[in-house]
Amino acid sequence: MPEINNTLLLIVILLNFFTLGSSRLGACIRAVALQGAILALLPLTVNGLTPHALGLAAGAFAFKGIFIPWLLFRAISEVRIRREIEPLIGYVPTLLLGALSTAAAFIFADSLPLVAEHRGTLFIPTALATLATGFLLLITRRKAITQVLGYLVFENGIFVFGVLLTTAMPLMVEAGVLLDLLVAVFIMGIVMHQINREFSTLNTERLSSLRE
């Protein structure tokens, strides 16, 4: 189902641009949740309704589409913030960087010696573009919650790569990736709580003020 896969992956790329251009944390969390839910469909469209694909799709949907977004909504409710204020790089320049990195991803993917079944699909350029989007969110945003979203988007790019290898990778390896993601979010939740308690802000630049 290459047409369905390409449509889903195109939506993933559009959601990348939305997260780069929006300052509203709630909207960004919903976009990342939708992106995760869409990616959860890919194992089924690529490999069919096999037990392996069903298990991976169910786990990805539960963690990426429901549980982790719920944790993030709970976090922004606890700390009472709604927007990313004064990012390190403005939203328009970040969008331009995102567009350039996405174009570079397509150009680079087109030069790779891909197997016949992957040619003409958007898997590789989408994975590379999503990795770049996550990296941009990590380095251009001040709020810890937005940086968590950057980590989630970055992991979504890795997941797209993993979908191409689902027949070769054991289910336990893929479950380990999701577990690492969950642990990372819990760690970031602890960090956000400590920053907010000590400084009454989630601006990560205030970390430089920490003293033993």
Protein backbone atom coordinates (compact mmCIF):
# COMPACT_ATOMS: atom_id res chain seq x y z
CA MET A 1 0.00 0.00 0.00
CA PRO A 2 2.57 2.60 -1.06
CA GLU A 3 -0.04 5.30 -1.70
CA ILE A 4 -1.50 4.97 1.80
CA ASN A 5 1.99 4.94 3.34
CA ASN A 6 3.04 8.04 1.42
CA THR A 7 -0.14 9.86 2.46
CA LEU A 8 0.44 9.04 6.13
CA LEU A 9 4.08 10.08 5.91
CA LEU A 10 3.18 13.36 4.19
CA ILE A 11 0.86 14.16 7.12
CA VAL A 12 3.76 13.41 9.49
CA ILE A 13 5.91 15.97 7.63
CA LEU A 14 3.14 18.58 7.79
CA LEU A 15 2.83 18.00 11.55
CA ASN A 16 6.58 18.60 11.82
CA PHE A 17 6.09 22.07 10.38
CA PHE A 18 3.15 22.72 12.68
CA THR A 19 5.17 21.94 15.81
CA LEU A 20 8.02 24.15 14.59
CA GLY A 21 5.70 27.10 13.95
CA SER A 22 3.35 26.99 16.94
CA SER A 23 3.93 28.55 20.35
CA ARG A 24 0.87 26.91 21.95
CA LEU A 25 2.04 23.96 24.04
CA GLY A 26 -1.37 22.26 24.05
CA ALA A 27 -1.60 22.37 20.26
CA CYS A 28 1.95 21.07 19.93
CA ILE A 29 1.22 18.17 22.27
CA ARG A 30 -1.89 17.28 20.24
CA ALA A 31 0.13 17.47 17.02
CA VAL A 32 2.81 15.15 18.39
CA ALA A 33 0.11 12.79 19.70
CA LEU A 34 -1.54 12.73 16.26
CA GLN A 35 1.85 12.12 14.68
CA GLY A 36 2.43 9.19 16.99
CA ALA A 37 -1.01 7.75 16.26
CA ILE A 38 -0.38 8.00 12.51
CA LEU A 39 3.01 6.32 12.84
CA ALA A 40 1.35 3.51 14.79
CA LEU A 41 -0.57 2.62 11.61
CA LEU A 42 2.58 2.15 9.53
CA PRO A 43 3.52 -1.34 10.80
CA LEU A 44 0.07 -2.53 9.70
CA THR A 45 0.17 -0.89 6.27
CA VAL A 46 3.72 -2.12 5.65
CA ASN A 47 3.58 -5.67 7.05
CA GLY A 48 -0.14 -6.46 7.18
CA LEU A 49 -2.12 -7.80 10.12
CA THR A 50 0.61 -10.03 11.52
CA PRO A 51 0.91 -10.58 15.30
CA HIS A 52 4.27 -8.79 15.25
CA ALA A 53 2.88 -5.75 13.44
CA LEU A 54 -0.25 -5.66 15.60
CA GLY A 55 1.82 -5.72 18.79
CA LEU A 56 4.09 -2.93 17.61
CA ALA A 57 1.16 -0.83 16.37
CA ALA A 58 -0.77 -1.27 19.63
CA GLY A 59 2.25 -0.38 21.76
CA ALA A 60 3.13 2.65 19.67
CA PHE A 61 -0.45 3.93 19.69
CA ALA A 62 -0.82 3.46 23.44
CA PHE A 63 2.45 5.19 24.31
CA LYS A 64 2.84 7.78 21.54
CA GLY A 65 -0.80 8.61 20.93
CA ILE A 66 -2.35 8.41 24.40
CA PHE A 67 -0.22 7.84 27.50
CA ILE A 68 2.74 10.19 26.93
CA PRO A 69 0.55 13.08 25.64
CA TRP A 70 -1.63 12.62 28.73
CA LEU A 71 1.46 12.93 30.94
CA LEU A 72 2.48 16.12 29.14
CA PHE A 73 -0.98 17.66 29.43
CA ARG A 74 -0.89 16.87 33.14
CA ALA A 75 2.54 18.54 33.37
CA ILE A 76 1.43 21.80 31.74
CA SER A 77 -1.66 21.79 33.95
CA GLU A 78 0.50 21.44 37.07
CA VAL A 79 2.90 24.23 36.15
CA ARG A 80 0.24 26.44 34.54
CA ILE A 81 2.02 27.34 31.32
CA ARG A 82 0.38 27.47 27.92
CA ARG A 83 2.90 29.00 25.52
CA GLU A 84 6.57 28.90 24.58
CA ILE A 85 7.78 32.45 25.18
CA GLU A 86 10.87 33.93 23.50
CA PRO A 87 12.44 30.87 21.88
CA LEU A 88 16.17 30.96 21.22
CA ILE A 89 15.39 31.18 17.49
CA GLY A 90 12.15 32.78 16.26
CA TYR A 91 9.33 30.73 14.77
CA VAL A 92 9.76 31.98 11.20
CA PRO A 93 13.53 31.26 11.11
CA THR A 94 12.85 27.87 12.70
CA LEU A 95 10.29 27.08 10.02
CA LEU A 96 12.78 28.10 7.34
CA LEU A 97 15.40 25.82 8.89
CA GLY A 98 12.80 23.06 9.00
CA ALA A 99 11.98 23.57 5.33
CA LEU A 100 15.67 23.51 4.39
CA SER A 101 16.33 20.36 6.43
CA THR A 102 13.29 18.66 4.91
CA ALA A 103 14.45 19.55 1.38
CA ALA A 104 17.93 18.27 2.25
CA ALA A 105 16.38 15.04 3.56
CA PHE A 106 14.60 14.46 0.25
CA ILE A 107 17.73 15.23 -1.75
CA PHE A 108 19.91 12.98 0.39
CA ALA A 109 17.37 10.13 0.38
CA ASP A 110 17.16 10.33 -3.41
CA SER A 111 20.92 9.75 -3.65
CA LEU A 112 20.90 6.62 -1.47
CA PRO A 113 21.13 3.15 -3.07
CA LEU A 114 17.77 1.94 -1.77
CA VAL A 115 16.27 -1.46 -2.46
CA ALA A 116 13.54 -1.51 -5.10
CA GLU A 117 10.65 -1.76 -2.61
CA HIS A 118 11.70 1.46 -0.84
CA ARG A 119 12.22 3.56 -3.95
CA GLY A 120 9.43 6.01 -4.61
CA THR A 121 8.31 5.96 -0.98
CA LEU A 122 8.64 8.71 1.63
CA PHE A 123 9.98 6.55 4.46
CA ILE A 124 13.62 7.62 4.35
CA PRO A 125 13.08 11.37 3.70
CA THR A 126 10.32 11.48 6.33
CA ALA A 127 12.53 9.77 8.90
CA LEU A 128 15.41 12.16 8.22
CA ALA A 129 13.15 15.24 8.20
CA THR A 130 11.49 14.18 11.47
CA LEU A 131 14.87 13.62 13.11
CA ALA A 132 15.89 17.13 12.03
CA THR A 133 12.62 18.59 13.35
CA GLY A 134 13.12 16.99 16.75
CA PHE A 135 16.69 18.28 16.88
CA LEU A 136 15.53 21.81 15.99
CA LEU A 137 12.94 21.74 18.79
CA LEU A 138 15.60 20.60 21.24
CA ILE A 139 18.07 23.37 20.42
CA THR A 140 15.75 26.31 19.68
CA ARG A 141 13.23 26.16 22.54
CA ARG A 142 13.65 27.28 26.14
CA LYS A 143 10.79 25.46 27.86
CA ALA A 144 11.57 21.98 29.18
CA ILE A 145 8.17 20.70 28.02
CA THR A 146 8.82 21.82 24.44
CA GLN A 147 12.19 20.10 24.60
CA VAL A 148 10.44 16.91 25.69
CA LEU A 149 8.27 17.27 22.60
CA GLY A 150 11.47 17.65 20.56
CA TYR A 151 12.74 14.38 22.01
CA LEU A 152 9.43 12.68 21.15
CA VAL A 153 9.53 13.96 17.56
CA PHE A 154 13.17 12.84 17.29
CA GLU A 155 12.15 9.35 18.46
CA ASN A 156 9.32 9.36 15.91
CA GLY A 157 11.96 9.73 13.20
CA ILE A 158 13.79 6.70 14.58
CA PHE A 159 10.49 4.82 14.65
CA VAL A 160 9.95 5.45 10.93
CA PHE A 161 13.34 3.86 10.26
CA GLY A 162 12.39 0.96 12.53
CA VAL A 163 9.18 0.28 10.64
CA LEU A 164 11.26 -0.68 7.61
CA LEU A 165 13.02 -3.28 9.75
CA THR A 166 10.07 -4.78 11.61
CA THR A 167 10.45 -8.14 9.90
CA ALA A 168 14.11 -8.32 10.96
CA MET A 169 13.97 -6.78 14.44
CA PRO A 170 12.59 -8.81 17.35
CA LEU A 171 9.55 -7.40 19.10
CA MET A 172 11.52 -7.09 22.34
CA VAL A 173 13.97 -4.65 20.70
CA GLU A 174 11.10 -2.44 19.54
CA ALA A 175 9.45 -2.66 22.96
CA GLY A 176 12.78 -1.58 24.43
CA VAL A 177 12.74 1.56 22.28
CA LEU A 178 9.29 2.45 23.60
CA LEU A 179 10.43 1.73 27.16
CA ASP A 180 13.44 4.02 26.72
CA LEU A 181 11.09 6.72 25.46
CA LEU A 182 8.81 6.34 28.48
CA VAL A 183 11.72 6.44 30.92
CA ALA A 184 13.09 9.57 29.23
CA VAL A 185 9.73 11.32 29.57
CA PHE A 186 9.53 10.43 33.27
CA ILE A 187 13.05 11.78 33.78
CA MET A 188 12.14 15.01 32.00
CA GLY A 189 9.00 15.22 34.15
CA ILE A 190 11.14 15.09 37.28
CA VAL A 191 13.47 17.74 35.83
CA MET A 192 10.54 20.03 34.96
CA HIS A 193 9.11 19.63 38.46
CA GLN A 194 12.42 20.50 40.09
CA ILE A 195 13.03 23.53 37.84
CA ASN A 196 9.54 24.87 38.45
CA ARG A 197 9.78 24.33 42.23
CA GLU A 198 13.15 26.06 42.54
CA PHE A 199 12.76 28.91 40.07
CA SER A 200 9.01 29.20 39.40
CA THR A 201 9.76 28.81 35.68
CA LEU A 202 10.44 26.10 33.15
CA ASN A 203 13.02 28.10 31.23
CA THR A 204 15.98 25.73 30.93
CA GLU A 205 18.42 28.64 30.81
CA ARG A 206 17.86 28.99 34.55
CA LEU A 207 19.69 25.68 35.00
CA SER A 208 22.91 27.71 34.86
CA SER A 209 21.90 29.19 38.22
CA LEU A 210 21.88 25.82 39.99
CA ARG A 211 24.45 25.43 42.76
CA GLU A 212 25.36 22.42 44.89
